[in-house]
Amino acid sequence: MKARAHVLVSGWVQGVFFRSYAQREANRRNVAGWVRNLRDGRVEAVLEGEEEDVKRVIEFCRRGPPGARVEKVDVAWEGYRGEFQGFTVRY
């Protein structure tokens, strides 16, 4: 089943290549969407794909890359829209 999740990651998650690692994990799982840094220090992502694959990318977000200290991950499940062709890093 297709799924969409809006994810906000808090903690020490900027300046540790979080976006690059998230993009790599999403591409590995065939998950589409985007990831970006927010001005308040969090990382935001929108993920679309097969539900199990989206869940695996969220699990990555809960761990983060080496050097990250993830304190909190908020996930809002939304209706699948199929609006993305791939996974991008937004600036």
Protein backbone atom coordinates (compact mmCIF):
# COMPACT_ATOMS: atom_id res chain seq x y z
CA MET A 1 0.00 0.00 0.00
CA LYS A 2 1.26 3.47 -0.88
CA ALA A 3 1.85 5.92 1.97
CA ARG A 4 2.99 9.46 2.64
CA ALA A 5 4.63 10.80 5.80
CA HIS A 6 5.61 14.31 6.87
CA VAL A 7 8.58 14.03 9.23
CA LEU A 8 10.22 16.56 11.57
CA VAL A 9 13.51 15.56 13.21
CA SER A 10 14.85 17.43 16.25
CA GLY A 11 18.23 17.31 17.94
CA TRP A 12 21.77 17.72 16.62
CA VAL A 13 20.74 17.01 13.03
CA GLN A 14 22.25 19.83 10.98
CA GLY A 15 25.88 19.96 9.93
CA VAL A 16 26.17 16.15 10.06
CA PHE A 17 25.15 15.35 6.45
CA PHE A 18 21.67 14.29 7.59
CA ARG A 19 20.07 15.37 4.30
CA SER A 20 22.58 13.49 2.16
CA TYR A 21 22.21 10.31 4.19
CA ALA A 22 18.41 10.64 4.13
CA GLN A 23 18.48 11.03 0.35
CA ARG A 24 20.69 7.97 0.00
CA GLU A 25 18.38 5.90 2.22
CA ALA A 26 15.26 7.10 0.38
CA ASN A 27 16.78 6.27 -3.00
CA ARG A 28 17.81 2.85 -1.74
CA ARG A 29 14.20 2.21 -0.69
CA ASN A 30 12.59 3.74 -3.81
CA VAL A 31 10.97 6.42 -1.67
CA ALA A 32 10.19 9.76 -3.33
CA GLY A 33 9.92 13.21 -1.75
CA TRP A 34 12.31 15.74 -0.28
CA VAL A 35 14.34 16.73 2.77
CA ARG A 36 15.48 20.15 4.00
CA ASN A 37 16.97 22.00 6.96
CA LEU A 38 14.72 24.36 8.89
CA ARG A 39 15.90 27.62 10.42
CA ASP A 40 15.07 26.36 13.91
CA GLY A 41 17.66 23.55 13.64
CA ARG A 42 15.28 20.73 12.74
CA VAL A 43 15.23 18.65 9.56
CA GLU A 44 11.95 18.28 7.67
CA ALA A 45 11.10 15.59 5.12
CA VAL A 46 8.15 14.41 3.07
CA LEU A 47 8.32 10.74 2.10
CA GLU A 48 6.14 8.86 -0.40
CA GLY A 49 6.28 5.24 -1.47
CA GLU A 50 5.34 1.77 -0.34
CA GLU A 51 4.39 1.93 3.34
CA GLU A 52 7.11 -0.47 4.51
CA ASP A 53 9.77 1.46 2.60
CA VAL A 54 8.57 4.78 4.04
CA LYS A 55 8.70 3.24 7.53
CA ARG A 56 12.30 2.14 6.95
CA VAL A 57 13.33 5.68 5.98
CA ILE A 58 11.60 6.96 9.13
CA GLU A 59 13.62 4.42 11.14
CA PHE A 60 16.78 5.91 9.59
CA CYS A 61 15.53 9.35 10.70
CA ARG A 62 15.19 8.05 14.26
CA ARG A 63 18.89 7.02 14.23
CA GLY A 64 20.39 9.62 11.91
CA PRO A 65 23.86 9.49 10.36
CA PRO A 66 27.12 9.24 12.32
CA GLY A 67 27.55 12.42 14.35
CA ALA A 68 23.83 13.14 14.71
CA ARG A 69 21.97 13.08 18.01
CA VAL A 70 18.31 12.62 17.25
CA GLU A 71 16.17 13.69 20.20
CA LYS A 72 12.69 13.56 18.69
CA VAL A 73 10.95 12.51 15.49
CA ASP A 74 7.41 13.68 14.77
CA VAL A 75 5.60 11.77 12.02
CA ALA A 76 2.29 12.83 10.48
CA TRP A 77 0.78 10.26 8.12
CA GLU A 78 -1.01 11.84 5.17
CA GLY A 79 -2.86 10.61 2.12
CA TYR A 80 -0.62 9.42 -0.70
CA ARG A 81 -0.49 11.97 -3.54
CA GLY A 82 2.12 10.55 -5.91
CA GLU A 83 3.45 14.02 -6.64
CA PHE A 84 7.21 13.27 -6.66
CA GLN A 85 9.36 11.63 -9.33
CA GLY A 86 12.41 11.14 -7.12
CA PHE A 87 13.95 12.28 -3.84
CA THR A 88 15.61 15.69 -3.60
CA VAL A 89 17.45 17.83 -1.08
CA ARG A 90 15.81 21.23 -0.83
CA TYR A 91 17.72 24.36 0.14
